C-alpha atoms as a PDB file:
ATOM      1  CA  MET A   1     -10.065  10.092  21.520  1.00  0.00           C
ATOM      2  CA  ILE A   2     -11.710   9.894  18.081  1.00  0.00           C
ATOM      3  CA  PRO A   3     -15.407  10.879  18.024  1.00  0.00           C
ATOM      4  CA  LEU A   4     -17.697   8.030  17.016  1.00  0.00           C
ATOM      5  CA  ASN A   5     -19.411  10.126  14.372  1.00  0.00           C
ATOM      6  CA  GLY A   6     -16.214  10.140  12.342  1.00  0.00           C
ATOM      7  CA  GLY A   7     -15.495  13.841  12.934  1.00  0.00           C
ATOM      8  CA  ASP A   8     -11.883  14.963  12.651  1.00  0.00           C
ATOM      9  CA  LEU A   9     -10.021  16.536  15.554  1.00  0.00           C
ATOM     10  CA  HIS A  10      -6.922  17.036  13.418  1.00  0.00           C
ATOM     11  CA  ILE A  11      -5.893  18.977  10.347  1.00  0.00           C
ATOM     12  CA  PRO A  12      -7.937  17.946   7.261  1.00  0.00           C
ATOM     13  CA  TRP A  13      -6.103  15.562   5.012  1.00  0.00           C
ATOM     14  CA  GLN A  14      -5.957  17.993   2.072  1.00  0.00           C
ATOM     15  CA  LYS A  15      -4.103  20.545   4.217  1.00  0.00           C
ATOM     16  CA  GLU A  16      -1.692  17.858   5.377  1.00  0.00           C
ATOM     17  CA  LEU A  17      -0.866  17.163   1.739  1.00  0.00           C
ATOM     18  CA  ALA A  18      -0.032  20.816   1.208  1.00  0.00           C
ATOM     19  CA  ARG A  19       2.454  20.944   4.089  1.00  0.00           C
ATOM     20  CA  ALA A  20       4.295  17.676   3.382  1.00  0.00           C
ATOM     21  CA  PHE A  21       8.095  17.590   3.417  1.00  0.00           C
ATOM     22  CA  THR A  22       9.457  17.724  -0.125  1.00  0.00           C
ATOM     23  CA  THR A  23      13.221  17.915   0.459  1.00  0.00           C
ATOM     24  CA  PRO A  24      15.581  15.697   2.473  1.00  0.00           C
ATOM     25  CA  GLU A  25      16.918  18.763   4.259  1.00  0.00           C
ATOM     26  CA  GLN A  26      13.469  19.635   5.630  1.00  0.00           C
ATOM     27  CA  LEU A  27      12.806  16.141   6.908  1.00  0.00           C
ATOM     28  CA  LEU A  28      16.247  15.610   8.439  1.00  0.00           C
ATOM     29  CA  ASP A  29      16.095  18.960  10.202  1.00  0.00           C
ATOM     30  CA  TYR A  30      12.667  18.065  11.594  1.00  0.00           C
ATOM     31  CA  LEU A  31      14.093  14.800  12.969  1.00  0.00           C
ATOM     32  CA  GLY A  32      17.245  16.423  14.319  1.00  0.00           C
ATOM     33  CA  LEU A  33      19.558  14.449  12.032  1.00  0.00           C
ATOM     34  CA  ASP A  34      22.845  15.562  10.478  1.00  0.00           C
ATOM     35  CA  HIS A  35      22.748  15.967   6.693  1.00  0.00           C
ATOM     36  CA  GLY A  36      26.280  14.678   6.196  1.00  0.00           C
ATOM     37  CA  PRO A  37      25.705  10.907   5.898  1.00  0.00           C
ATOM     38  CA  TRP A  38      22.863  11.437   3.421  1.00  0.00           C
ATOM     39  CA  LEU A  39      24.206  14.144   1.110  1.00  0.00           C
ATOM     40  CA  GLU A  40      25.027  11.799  -1.783  1.00  0.00           C
ATOM     41  CA  GLY A  41      21.414  10.701  -1.936  1.00  0.00           C
ATOM     42  CA  PHE A  42      19.824  14.149  -2.060  1.00  0.00           C
ATOM     43  CA  ALA A  43      20.094  14.269  -5.854  1.00  0.00           C
ATOM     44  CA  ALA A  44      17.917  11.156  -6.149  1.00  0.00           C
ATOM     45  CA  ARG A  45      14.953  13.523  -5.937  1.00  0.00           C
ATOM     46  CA  ARG A  46      15.560  14.067  -9.638  1.00  0.00           C
ATOM     47  CA  LEU A  47      14.815  10.382 -10.257  1.00  0.00           C
ATOM     48  CA  PHE A  48      11.650  10.352  -8.161  1.00  0.00           C
ATOM     49  CA  PRO A  49      10.241  13.372  -6.289  1.00  0.00           C
ATOM     50  CA  MET A  50      10.148  13.278  -2.504  1.00  0.00           C
ATOM     51  CA  ARG A  51       6.935  13.727  -0.521  1.00  0.00           C
ATOM     52  CA  VAL A  52       6.485  12.854   3.160  1.00  0.00           C
ATOM     53  CA  PRO A  53       3.404  14.054   5.098  1.00  0.00           C
ATOM     54  CA  LYS A  54       4.075  15.397   8.574  1.00  0.00           C
ATOM     55  CA  PRO A  55       1.824  12.830  10.351  1.00  0.00           C
ATOM     56  CA  PHE A  56       4.051  10.071   8.927  1.00  0.00           C
ATOM     57  CA  ALA A  57       7.214  11.919   9.954  1.00  0.00           C
ATOM     58  CA  ASP A  58       5.769  12.227  13.464  1.00  0.00           C
ATOM     59  CA  LYS A  59       5.822   8.418  13.711  1.00  0.00           C
ATOM     60  CA  MET A  60       9.606   8.398  13.161  1.00  0.00           C
ATOM     61  CA  HIS A  61      12.050   8.462  16.065  1.00  0.00           C
ATOM     62  CA  PRO A  62      13.908  11.804  16.218  1.00  0.00           C
ATOM     63  CA  GLY A  63      17.672  11.424  16.094  1.00  0.00           C
ATOM     64  CA  ASP A  64      17.557   7.840  14.800  1.00  0.00           C
ATOM     65  CA  PRO A  65      19.234   7.520  11.386  1.00  0.00           C
ATOM     66  CA  ALA A  66      18.176   3.855  11.181  1.00  0.00           C
ATOM     67  CA  ASP A  67      14.476   4.529  11.722  1.00  0.00           C
ATOM     68  CA  PRO A  68      12.566   2.007   9.543  1.00  0.00           C
ATOM     69  CA  LEU A  69      10.002   4.570   8.422  1.00  0.00           C
ATOM     70  CA  LEU A  70      12.655   7.114   7.462  1.00  0.00           C
ATOM     71  CA  ARG A  71      14.460   4.568   5.299  1.00  0.00           C
ATOM     72  CA  GLN A  72      11.327   4.030   3.202  1.00  0.00           C
ATOM     73  CA  VAL A  73      11.005   7.666   2.131  1.00  0.00           C
ATOM     74  CA  LEU A  74      14.454   9.292   2.216  1.00  0.00           C
ATOM     75  CA  PRO A  75      16.259   9.527  -1.159  1.00  0.00           C
ATOM     76  CA  LEU A  76      19.419   7.405  -1.053  1.00  0.00           C
ATOM     77  CA  ALA A  77      22.521   7.229  -3.199  1.00  0.00           C
ATOM     78  CA  GLY A  78      21.716   3.582  -3.993  1.00  0.00           C
ATOM     79  CA  GLU A  79      18.929   4.747  -6.301  1.00  0.00           C
ATOM     80  CA  PHE A  80      21.559   5.692  -8.880  1.00  0.00           C
ATOM     81  CA  THR A  81      23.011   2.171  -9.009  1.00  0.00           C
ATOM     82  CA  GLU A  82      21.964   0.279 -12.124  1.00  0.00           C
ATOM     83  CA  VAL A  83      21.400  -3.399 -11.341  1.00  0.00           C
ATOM     84  CA  PRO A  84      20.702  -6.028 -14.028  1.00  0.00           C
ATOM     85  CA  GLY A  85      17.067  -7.147 -13.966  1.00  0.00           C
ATOM     86  CA  PHE A  86      15.788  -3.962 -12.305  1.00  0.00           C
ATOM     87  CA  VAL A  87      13.727  -2.128 -14.932  1.00  0.00           C
ATOM     88  CA  THR A  88      11.270   0.741 -15.273  1.00  0.00           C
ATOM     89  CA  ASP A  89       8.220  -1.489 -15.849  1.00  0.00           C
ATOM     90  CA  PRO A  90       8.765  -4.635 -13.762  1.00  0.00           C
ATOM     91  CA  LEU A  91       5.125  -5.780 -14.010  1.00  0.00           C
ATOM     92  CA  ASP A  92       4.502  -5.015 -17.697  1.00  0.00           C
ATOM     93  CA  GLU A  93       1.817  -2.457 -16.852  1.00  0.00           C
ATOM     94  CA  HIS A  94       2.606   0.331 -19.267  1.00  0.00           C
ATOM     95  CA  ASP A  95       0.311  -1.159 -21.931  1.00  0.00           C
ATOM     96  CA  SER A  96      -3.250  -1.026 -20.593  1.00  0.00           C
ATOM     97  CA  ALA A  97      -6.639  -2.159 -21.908  1.00  0.00           C
ATOM     98  CA  LEU A  98      -7.787   1.482 -21.846  1.00  0.00           C
ATOM     99  CA  PRO A  99      -6.130   4.581 -20.440  1.00  0.00           C
ATOM    100  CA  GLY A 100      -6.108   4.009 -16.683  1.00  0.00           C
ATOM    101  CA  LEU A 101      -7.656   0.520 -16.842  1.00  0.00           C
ATOM    102  CA  LEU A 102      -5.542  -2.606 -16.325  1.00  0.00           C
ATOM    103  CA  HIS A 103      -7.186  -5.991 -16.943  1.00  0.00           C
ATOM    104  CA  LYS A 104      -4.385  -8.197 -15.621  1.00  0.00           C
ATOM    105  CA  TYR A 105      -6.495 -10.929 -13.996  1.00  0.00           C
ATOM    106  CA  ARG A 106      -9.606 -12.559 -15.456  1.00  0.00           C
ATOM    107  CA  SER A 107     -12.232 -11.583 -12.868  1.00  0.00           C
ATOM    108  CA  ARG A 108     -10.725  -8.288 -11.698  1.00  0.00           C
ATOM    109  CA  VAL A 109      -9.788  -4.972 -13.233  1.00  0.00           C
ATOM    110  CA  LEU A 110      -7.619  -2.242 -11.789  1.00  0.00           C
ATOM    111  CA  LEU A 111      -8.628   1.366 -12.315  1.00  0.00           C
ATOM    112  CA  VAL A 112      -5.945   4.028 -11.866  1.00  0.00           C
ATOM    113  CA  LEU A 113      -8.188   6.566 -10.208  1.00  0.00           C
ATOM    114  CA  ARG A 114      -5.514   9.141  -9.415  1.00  0.00           C
ATOM    115  CA  GLY A 115      -1.895   9.417 -10.445  1.00  0.00           C
ATOM    116  CA  GLY A 116      -0.527  11.190  -7.385  1.00  0.00           C
ATOM    117  CA  CYS A 117       0.354   9.801  -3.965  1.00  0.00           C
ATOM    118  CA  ALA A 118       0.433  11.346  -0.522  1.00  0.00           C
ATOM    119  CA  VAL A 119       3.850   9.772   0.068  1.00  0.00           C
ATOM    120  CA  ASN A 120       6.503   8.722  -2.423  1.00  0.00           C
ATOM    121  CA  CYS A 121       7.943   5.451  -1.155  1.00  0.00           C
ATOM    122  CA  ARG A 122      11.406   4.980  -2.630  1.00  0.00           C
ATOM    123  CA  TYR A 123      10.734   1.309  -3.521  1.00  0.00           C
ATOM    124  CA  CYS A 124       7.502   2.076  -5.431  1.00  0.00           C
ATOM    125  CA  PHE A 125       7.062  -0.284  -8.386  1.00  0.00           C
ATOM    126  CA  ARG A 126       5.195   2.468 -10.250  1.00  0.00           C
ATOM    127  CA  ARG A 127       7.811   5.172  -9.777  1.00  0.00           C
ATOM    128  CA  HIS A 128       8.278   5.217 -13.575  1.00  0.00           C
ATOM    129  CA  PHE A 129       4.619   4.632 -14.510  1.00  0.00           C
ATOM    130  CA  PRO A 130       3.237   6.998 -17.217  1.00  0.00           C
ATOM    131  CA  TYR A 131       0.454   8.463 -15.096  1.00  0.00           C
ATOM    132  CA  ALA A 132      -0.086  11.326 -17.528  1.00  0.00           C
ATOM    133  CA  ASP A 133      -1.350   8.765 -20.069  1.00  0.00           C
ATOM    134  CA  ASN A 134      -3.284   6.631 -17.574  1.00  0.00           C
ATOM    135  CA  SER A 135      -5.216   8.963 -15.304  1.00  0.00           C
ATOM    136  CA  PRO A 136      -8.616   9.538 -16.885  1.00  0.00           C
ATOM    137  CA  GLY A 137      -9.889  11.655 -13.988  1.00  0.00           C
ATOM    138  CA  GLN A 138     -13.534  12.095 -13.070  1.00  0.00           C
ATOM    139  CA  GLY A 139     -14.572  13.086 -16.582  1.00  0.00           C
ATOM    140  CA  GLY A 140     -12.836  10.133 -18.231  1.00  0.00           C
ATOM    141  CA  TRP A 141     -14.386   7.216 -16.370  1.00  0.00           C
ATOM    142  CA  GLN A 142     -17.071   6.350 -18.897  1.00  0.00           C
ATOM    143  CA  PRO A 143     -14.932   4.258 -21.301  1.00  0.00           C
ATOM    144  CA  ALA A 144     -13.644   2.221 -18.348  1.00  0.00           C
ATOM    145  CA  VAL A 145     -17.160   1.794 -16.932  1.00  0.00           C
ATOM    146  CA  ASP A 146     -18.417   0.700 -20.364  1.00  0.00           C
ATOM    147  CA  TYR A 147     -15.555  -1.802 -20.650  1.00  0.00           C
ATOM    148  CA  ILE A 148     -16.391  -3.295 -17.248  1.00  0.00           C
ATOM    149  CA  ALA A 149     -20.097  -3.486 -18.132  1.00  0.00           C
ATOM    150  CA  ALA A 150     -19.269  -5.323 -21.373  1.00  0.00           C
ATOM    151  CA  HIS A 151     -17.157  -8.020 -19.661  1.00  0.00           C
ATOM    152  CA  ALA A 152     -19.394 -10.258 -17.555  1.00  0.00           C
ATOM    153  CA  GLU A 153     -16.411 -12.188 -16.189  1.00  0.00           C
ATOM    154  CA  ILE A 154     -15.368  -9.132 -14.152  1.00  0.00           C
ATOM    155  CA  ASN A 155     -16.814  -9.241 -10.639  1.00  0.00           C
ATOM    156  CA  GLU A 156     -14.429  -6.915  -8.822  1.00  0.00           C
ATOM    157  CA  VAL A 157     -13.039  -3.444  -9.430  1.00  0.00           C
ATOM    158  CA  ILE A 158      -9.819  -2.409  -7.720  1.00  0.00           C
ATOM    159  CA  LEU A 159      -9.218   1.309  -7.296  1.00  0.00           C
ATOM    160  CA  SER A 160      -5.509   2.009  -7.393  1.00  0.00           C
ATOM    161  CA  GLY A 161      -3.042   4.676  -8.455  1.00  0.00           C
ATOM    162  CA  GLY A 162      -0.955   6.509  -7.509  1.00  0.00           C
ATOM    163  CA  ASP A 163      -3.353   6.454  -4.622  1.00  0.00           C
ATOM    164  CA  PRO A 164      -7.116   6.349  -5.240  1.00  0.00           C
ATOM    165  CA  LEU A 165      -7.851   8.118  -1.957  1.00  0.00           C
ATOM    166  CA  MET A 166      -6.202  11.226  -3.385  1.00  0.00           C
ATOM    167  CA  ALA A 167      -9.595  11.645  -5.064  1.00  0.00           C
ATOM    168  CA  LYS A 168     -12.232  13.547  -3.112  1.00  0.00           C
ATOM    169  CA  ASP A 169     -15.000  11.645  -1.329  1.00  0.00           C
ATOM    170  CA  GLU A 170     -17.650  12.960  -3.713  1.00  0.00           C
ATOM    171  CA  HIS A 171     -15.677  11.803  -6.753  1.00  0.00           C
ATOM    172  CA  ILE A 172     -15.288   8.312  -5.326  1.00  0.00           C
ATOM    173  CA  ALA A 173     -18.987   8.247  -4.468  1.00  0.00           C
ATOM    174  CA  ALA A 174     -19.924   9.288  -8.020  1.00  0.00           C
ATOM    175  CA  LEU A 175     -17.834   6.497  -9.539  1.00  0.00           C
ATOM    176  CA  LEU A 176     -19.221   4.011  -7.024  1.00  0.00           C
ATOM    177  CA  SER A 177     -22.777   4.933  -8.075  1.00  0.00           C
ATOM    178  CA  GLU A 178     -21.927   4.094 -11.689  1.00  0.00           C
ATOM    179  CA  LEU A 179     -20.275   0.798 -10.774  1.00  0.00           C
ATOM    180  CA  GLU A 180     -23.224  -0.235  -8.606  1.00  0.00           C
ATOM    181  CA  CYS A 181     -25.387  -0.240 -11.750  1.00  0.00           C
ATOM    182  CA  ILE A 182     -23.318  -3.050 -13.307  1.00  0.00           C
ATOM    183  CA  PRO A 183     -25.080  -6.263 -12.204  1.00  0.00           C
ATOM    184  CA  HIS A 184     -22.138  -8.671 -12.455  1.00  0.00           C
ATOM    185  CA  LEU A 185     -19.948  -6.643 -10.083  1.00  0.00           C
ATOM    186  CA  LYS A 186     -19.758  -7.959  -6.519  1.00  0.00           C
ATOM    187  CA  ARG A 187     -16.898  -6.093  -4.840  1.00  0.00           C
ATOM    188  CA  LEU A 188     -15.084  -2.781  -4.769  1.00  0.00           C
ATOM    189  CA  ARG A 189     -11.544  -2.911  -3.490  1.00  0.00           C
ATOM    190  CA  ILE A 190      -9.509   0.184  -2.615  1.00  0.00           C
ATOM    191  CA  HIS A 191      -5.724  -0.081  -2.315  1.00  0.00           C
ATOM    192  CA  SER A 192      -4.284   2.868  -0.426  1.00  0.00           C
ATOM    193  CA  ARG A 193      -1.329   3.978   1.656  1.00  0.00           C
ATOM    194  CA  LEU A 194      -2.802   7.406   2.273  1.00  0.00           C
ATOM    195  CA  PRO A 195      -4.538   6.531   5.579  1.00  0.00           C
ATOM    196  CA  VAL A 196      -1.211   5.252   6.926  1.00  0.00           C
ATOM    197  CA  VAL A 197       0.569   8.537   6.292  1.00  0.00           C
ATOM    198  CA  ILE A 198      -2.438  10.838   6.896  1.00  0.00           C
ATOM    199  CA  PRO A 199      -5.004   9.032   9.104  1.00  0.00           C
ATOM    200  CA  THR A 200      -7.581  11.819   8.741  1.00  0.00           C
ATOM    201  CA  ARG A 201      -8.163  10.596   5.172  1.00  0.00           C
ATOM    202  CA  LEU A 202     -10.393   7.905   6.660  1.00  0.00           C
ATOM    203  CA  THR A 203     -13.364  10.245   6.754  1.00  0.00           C
ATOM    204  CA  GLY A 204     -16.745   9.391   8.181  1.00  0.00           C
ATOM    205  CA  THR A 205     -18.402  10.501   4.926  1.00  0.00           C
ATOM    206  CA  LEU A 206     -16.506   7.982   2.810  1.00  0.00           C
ATOM    207  CA  ARG A 207     -16.928   5.252   5.400  1.00  0.00           C
ATOM    208  CA  GLU A 208     -20.688   5.669   5.434  1.00  0.00           C
ATOM    209  CA  ARG A 209     -20.982   5.718   1.641  1.00  0.00           C
ATOM    210  CA  LEU A 210     -18.970   2.514   1.293  1.00  0.00           C
ATOM    211  CA  SER A 211     -20.862   0.768   4.073  1.00  0.00           C
ATOM    212  CA  GLN A 212     -24.176   1.464   2.309  1.00  0.00           C
ATOM    213  CA  SER A 213     -23.038   0.197  -1.080  1.00  0.00           C
ATOM    214  CA  ARG A 214     -24.502  -2.802  -2.858  1.00  0.00           C
ATOM    215  CA  LEU A 215     -20.912  -3.785  -3.621  1.00  0.00           C
ATOM    216  CA  ARG A 216     -18.923  -5.421  -0.844  1.00  0.00           C
ATOM    217  CA  PRO A 217     -16.253  -2.856   0.136  1.00  0.00           C
ATOM    218  CA  VAL A 218     -12.678  -3.887   0.883  1.00  0.00           C
ATOM    219  CA  LEU A 219      -9.929  -1.515   1.970  1.00  0.00           C
ATOM    220  CA  VAL A 220      -6.384  -2.821   1.501  1.00  0.00           C
ATOM    221  CA  VAL A 221      -3.890  -0.661   3.332  1.00  0.00           C
ATOM    222  CA  HIS A 222      -0.143  -0.748   2.835  1.00  0.00           C
ATOM    223  CA  VAL A 223       1.712  -0.972   6.149  1.00  0.00           C
ATOM    224  CA  ASN A 224       5.288  -2.249   6.294  1.00  0.00           C
ATOM    225  CA  HIS A 225       6.186  -1.739   9.951  1.00  0.00           C
ATOM    226  CA  ALA A 226       4.288  -1.780  13.244  1.00  0.00           C
ATOM    227  CA  ASN A 227       5.454   1.766  14.019  1.00  0.00           C
ATOM    228  CA  GLU A 228       3.264   3.020  11.169  1.00  0.00           C
ATOM    229  CA  ILE A 229       0.106   2.183  13.153  1.00  0.00           C
ATOM    230  CA  ASP A 230      -0.349   4.790  15.861  1.00  0.00           C
ATOM    231  CA  GLN A 231      -3.392   5.214  18.085  1.00  0.00           C
ATOM    232  CA  ASP A 232      -5.071   7.629  15.682  1.00  0.00           C
ATOM    233  CA  LEU A 233      -4.826   5.290  12.690  1.00  0.00           C
ATOM    234  CA  ALA A 234      -5.820   2.241  14.738  1.00  0.00           C
ATOM    235  CA  GLY A 235      -8.953   3.968  16.026  1.00  0.00           C
ATOM    236  CA  ARG A 236     -10.058   5.032  12.569  1.00  0.00           C
ATOM    237  CA  LEU A 237      -9.444   1.586  11.087  1.00  0.00           C
ATOM    238  CA  GLN A 238     -11.519   0.038  13.863  1.00  0.00           C
ATOM    239  CA  GLN A 239     -14.376   2.396  12.993  1.00  0.00           C
ATOM    240  CA  TRP A 240     -14.250   1.232   9.379  1.00  0.00           C
ATOM    241  CA  GLN A 241     -14.205  -2.401  10.439  1.00  0.00           C
ATOM    242  CA  ARG A 242     -17.257  -1.871  12.646  1.00  0.00           C
ATOM    243  CA  ALA A 243     -19.014  -0.321   9.637  1.00  0.00           C
ATOM    244  CA  GLY A 244     -18.710  -3.664   7.816  1.00  0.00           C
ATOM    245  CA  ILE A 245     -15.743  -2.810   5.598  1.00  0.00           C
ATOM    246  CA  THR A 246     -13.249  -5.652   5.177  1.00  0.00           C
ATOM    247  CA  LEU A 247      -9.732  -4.496   6.073  1.00  0.00           C
ATOM    248  CA  LEU A 248      -6.622  -6.208   4.713  1.00  0.00           C
ATOM    249  CA  ASN A 249      -2.943  -5.315   4.586  1.00  0.00           C
ATOM    250  CA  GLN A 250      -0.277  -5.768   1.972  1.00  0.00           C
ATOM    251  CA  SER A 251       3.335  -5.122   2.847  1.00  0.00           C
ATOM    252  CA  VAL A 252       6.625  -5.284   0.976  1.00  0.00           C
ATOM    253  CA  LEU A 253       9.660  -7.056   2.368  1.00  0.00           C
ATOM    254  CA  LEU A 254      12.354  -4.379   2.574  1.00  0.00           C
ATOM    255  CA  ALA A 255      15.979  -4.629   3.635  1.00  0.00           C
ATOM    256  CA  GLY A 256      16.647  -2.451   6.651  1.00  0.00           C
ATOM    257  CA  VAL A 257      12.939  -1.942   7.314  1.00  0.00           C
ATOM    258  CA  ASN A 258      11.133  -5.187   8.146  1.00  0.00           C
ATOM    259  CA  ASP A 259      13.461  -8.016   7.100  1.00  0.00           C
ATOM    260  CA  ASP A 260      13.548  -9.724  10.484  1.00  0.00           C
ATOM    261  CA  ALA A 261      11.073 -11.985  12.233  1.00  0.00           C
ATOM    262  CA  ASP A 262      10.544  -9.707  15.233  1.00  0.00           C
ATOM    263  CA  ALA A 263       9.470  -6.805  12.991  1.00  0.00           C
ATOM    264  CA  LEU A 264       7.084  -8.948  10.940  1.00  0.00           C
ATOM    265  CA  GLU A 265       5.578 -10.551  14.048  1.00  0.00           C
ATOM    266  CA  ALA A 266       4.994  -7.148  15.629  1.00  0.00           C
ATOM    267  CA  LEU A 267       3.420  -5.913  12.390  1.00  0.00           C
ATOM    268  CA  SER A 268       0.906  -8.773  12.230  1.00  0.00           C
ATOM    269  CA  GLU A 269      -0.057  -8.355  15.891  1.00  0.00           C
ATOM    270  CA  ARG A 270      -0.459  -4.594  15.584  1.00  0.00           C
ATOM    271  CA  LEU A 271      -2.530  -4.941  12.420  1.00  0.00           C
ATOM    272  CA  PHE A 272      -4.922  -7.363  14.091  1.00  0.00           C
ATOM    273  CA  GLU A 273      -5.321  -5.044  17.092  1.00  0.00           C
ATOM    274  CA  ALA A 274      -6.444  -2.379  14.604  1.00  0.00           C
ATOM    275  CA  GLY A 275      -8.950  -4.725  12.934  1.00  0.00           C
ATOM    276  CA  VAL A 276      -6.813  -5.507   9.873  1.00  0.00           C
ATOM    277  CA  LEU A 277      -5.874  -8.981   8.606  1.00  0.00           C
ATOM    278  CA  PRO A 278      -2.417  -9.550   7.096  1.00  0.00           C
ATOM    279  CA  TYR A 279      -2.954 -10.490   3.451  1.00  0.00           C
ATOM    280  CA  TYR A 280       0.251 -10.521   1.423  1.00  0.00           C
ATOM    281  CA  VAL A 281       3.890  -9.808   2.041  1.00  0.00           C
ATOM    282  CA  HIS A 282       5.443  -9.104  -1.343  1.00  0.00           C
ATOM    283  CA  GLN A 283       8.935  -9.721  -2.492  1.00  0.00           C
ATOM    284  CA  LEU A 284      10.228  -6.460  -3.916  1.00  0.00           C
ATOM    285  CA  ASP A 285       9.190  -5.721  -7.481  1.00  0.00           C
ATOM    286  CA  LYS A 286      12.410  -5.221  -9.441  1.00  0.00           C
ATOM    287  CA  VAL A 287      11.947  -1.583 -10.317  1.00  0.00           C
ATOM    288  CA  ALA A 288      14.928   0.505 -11.362  1.00  0.00           C
ATOM    289  CA  GLY A 289      16.249   2.548  -8.441  1.00  0.00           C
ATOM    290  CA  ALA A 290      15.120   0.226  -5.645  1.00  0.00           C
ATOM    291  CA  ALA A 291      17.633  -2.647  -5.713  1.00  0.00           C
ATOM    292  CA  HIS A 292      19.086  -1.627  -2.334  1.00  0.00           C
ATOM    293  CA  PHE A 293      15.806  -2.721  -0.713  1.00  0.00           C
ATOM    294  CA  ALA A 294      15.979  -6.282  -2.089  1.00  0.00           C
ATOM    295  CA  VAL A 295      15.861  -9.319   0.217  1.00  0.00           C
ATOM    296  CA  SER A 296      16.840 -12.765  -1.059  1.00  0.00           C
ATOM    297  CA  ASP A 297      14.143 -15.403  -1.547  1.00  0.00           C
ATOM    298  CA  ASP A 298      15.940 -17.738   0.847  1.00  0.00           C
ATOM    299  CA  HIS A 299      15.918 -15.120   3.605  1.00  0.00           C
ATOM    300  CA  ALA A 300      12.273 -14.304   2.884  1.00  0.00           C
ATOM    301  CA  ARG A 301      11.296 -17.964   3.187  1.00  0.00           C
ATOM    302  CA  ALA A 302      13.219 -18.315   6.432  1.00  0.00           C
ATOM    303  CA  LEU A 303      11.384 -15.313   7.869  1.00  0.00           C
ATOM    304  CA  MET A 304       7.996 -16.752   6.970  1.00  0.00           C
ATOM    305  CA  ALA A 305       8.939 -20.093   8.523  1.00  0.00           C
ATOM    306  CA  ARG A 306       9.703 -18.282  11.781  1.00  0.00           C
ATOM    307  CA  LEU A 307       6.362 -16.491  11.632  1.00  0.00           C
ATOM    308  CA  LEU A 308       4.575 -19.839  11.275  1.00  0.00           C
ATOM    309  CA  GLU A 309       6.242 -20.912  14.511  1.00  0.00           C
ATOM    310  CA  ARG A 310       5.275 -17.741  16.359  1.00  0.00           C
ATOM    311  CA  LEU A 311       1.824 -16.758  15.063  1.00  0.00           C
ATOM    312  CA  PRO A 312      -1.540 -18.385  14.388  1.00  0.00           C
ATOM    313  CA  GLY A 313      -2.051 -19.079  10.708  1.00  0.00           C
ATOM    314  CA  PHE A 314      -4.558 -16.262  10.178  1.00  0.00           C
ATOM    315  CA  LEU A 315      -1.889 -13.723  11.170  1.00  0.00           C
ATOM    316  CA  VAL A 316       0.739 -15.042   8.746  1.00  0.00           C
ATOM    317  CA  PRO A 317       0.555 -13.200   5.419  1.00  0.00           C
ATOM    318  CA  ARG A 318       1.222 -15.120   2.239  1.00  0.00           C
ATOM    319  CA  LEU A 319       4.667 -14.582   0.737  1.00  0.00           C
ATOM    320  CA  VAL A 320       4.261 -13.772  -2.954  1.00  0.00           C
ATOM    321  CA  ARG A 321       5.920 -12.252  -5.956  1.00  0.00           C
ATOM    322  CA  GLU A 322       4.081 -10.505  -8.763  1.00  0.00           C
ATOM    323  CA  ILE A 323       5.334 -11.395 -12.237  1.00  0.00           C
ATOM    324  CA  GLY A 324       4.235  -9.424 -15.265  1.00  0.00           C
ATOM    325  CA  GLY A 325       1.965 -11.424 -17.569  1.00  0.00           C
ATOM    326  CA  GLU A 326       1.107 -14.120 -15.011  1.00  0.00           C
ATOM    327  CA  VAL A 327      -2.551 -14.863 -14.263  1.00  0.00           C
ATOM    328  CA  SER A 328      -2.153 -14.366 -10.511  1.00  0.00           C
ATOM    329  CA  LYS A 329       0.323 -13.562  -7.774  1.00  0.00           C
ATOM    330  CA  THR A 330       3.030 -16.240  -7.523  1.00  0.00           C
ATOM    331  CA  PRO A 331       3.360 -17.783  -4.034  1.00  0.00           C
ATOM    332  CA  LEU A 332       6.893 -18.505  -2.826  1.00  0.00           C
ATOM    333  CA  ASP A 333       6.643 -21.975  -1.321  1.00  0.00           C
ATOM    334  CA  LEU A 334       8.462 -22.410   1.963  1.00  0.00           C
ATOM    335  CA  ASN A 335       9.518 -26.014   1.261  1.00  0.00           C
ATOM    336  CA  LEU A 336       9.057 -26.964   4.900  1.00  0.00           C
ATOM    337  CA  GLU A 337       9.373 -30.514   6.134  1.00  0.00           C
ATOM    338  CA  PRO A 338       5.925 -31.872   7.143  1.00  0.00           C
ATOM    339  CA  VAL A 339       5.196 -31.888  10.861  1.00  0.00           C
ATOM    340  CA  LYS A 340       3.934 -35.152  12.332  1.00  0.00           C
ATOM    341  CA  ASP A 341       0.520 -34.678  13.902  1.00  0.00           C
ATOM    342  CA  THR A 342      -0.208 -35.514  17.513  1.00  0.00           C
ATOM    343  CA  PRO A 343      -3.756 -36.215  18.760  1.00  0.00           C
ATOM    344  CA  CYS A 344      -4.206 -32.797  20.423  1.00  0.00           C
ATOM    345  CA  MET A 345      -2.361 -30.650  17.910  1.00  0.00           C
ATOM    346  CA  ILE A 346      -4.026 -27.282  17.222  1.00  0.00           C
ATOM    347  CA  ARG A 347      -2.998 -25.166  14.247  1.00  0.00           C
END
């Protein structure tokens, strides 16, 4: 049971970061799995460090080498395979308006608040991102704030990373206070996977500060599989929803993780139970080292067509691809034949 005042009954999130698994051997031993089938992939840690918090590992099924959560975080030999079209900067993000500030879309800017993540997902499109050159930190916000203040077309700031919730509550609150002074801003959006892997990061202190803001707060979590939402996370998300914070989810379509209709249906249902609306399901960004997660567009469209048959429209996320240089996400049309209406048809 989670206390209504937002108090934590579990280990504080900062301590969970410190005790995360950082080698495949540690994680496989914890899950009771033989190292043998995975040995060739252990060296992929050199390409992208491994980090898996224990609360996320506790959601995996011990002894199951095909666990969909394990596949997302375990270094695999496929990361060494070079595939044409898979590059280090698939979204053309390495050239920013200012260090840590990306102005990709007209009315929105993305601020790289922190470079680190609580978990290193092996398909991450920013696994090669130059965070050292794009993480201004608390003392380096002013140029970005000045840029936002000087561009009246910007009405929304997106905190990203890395993971923006790696920043302390007081640092986020200090930045929020500066942004609230910019009259043309309407919304603050936070994109984070940290609550999914360490639910105690959803602190009552941060929830209350966001709920009192002049800016409309939106938290976009990153959940790929229904098994990632346990009772602890669901309860905390519901608290944030009741505080007036809009909750959305973005997922990535991943081979061997969620590339079947049953998994995607279960994900949408579980999200809604936790107070979260499915928002986007992304086709994989073609980042070097992640080609083994790719799902064909035809299969992706077929999956979404099945979801439309099974779920109400508000629980069907939009299938999109992000293309560097484009003015928005690019929807992948399903090319479905029109359905003839009947007098009592309800959609």
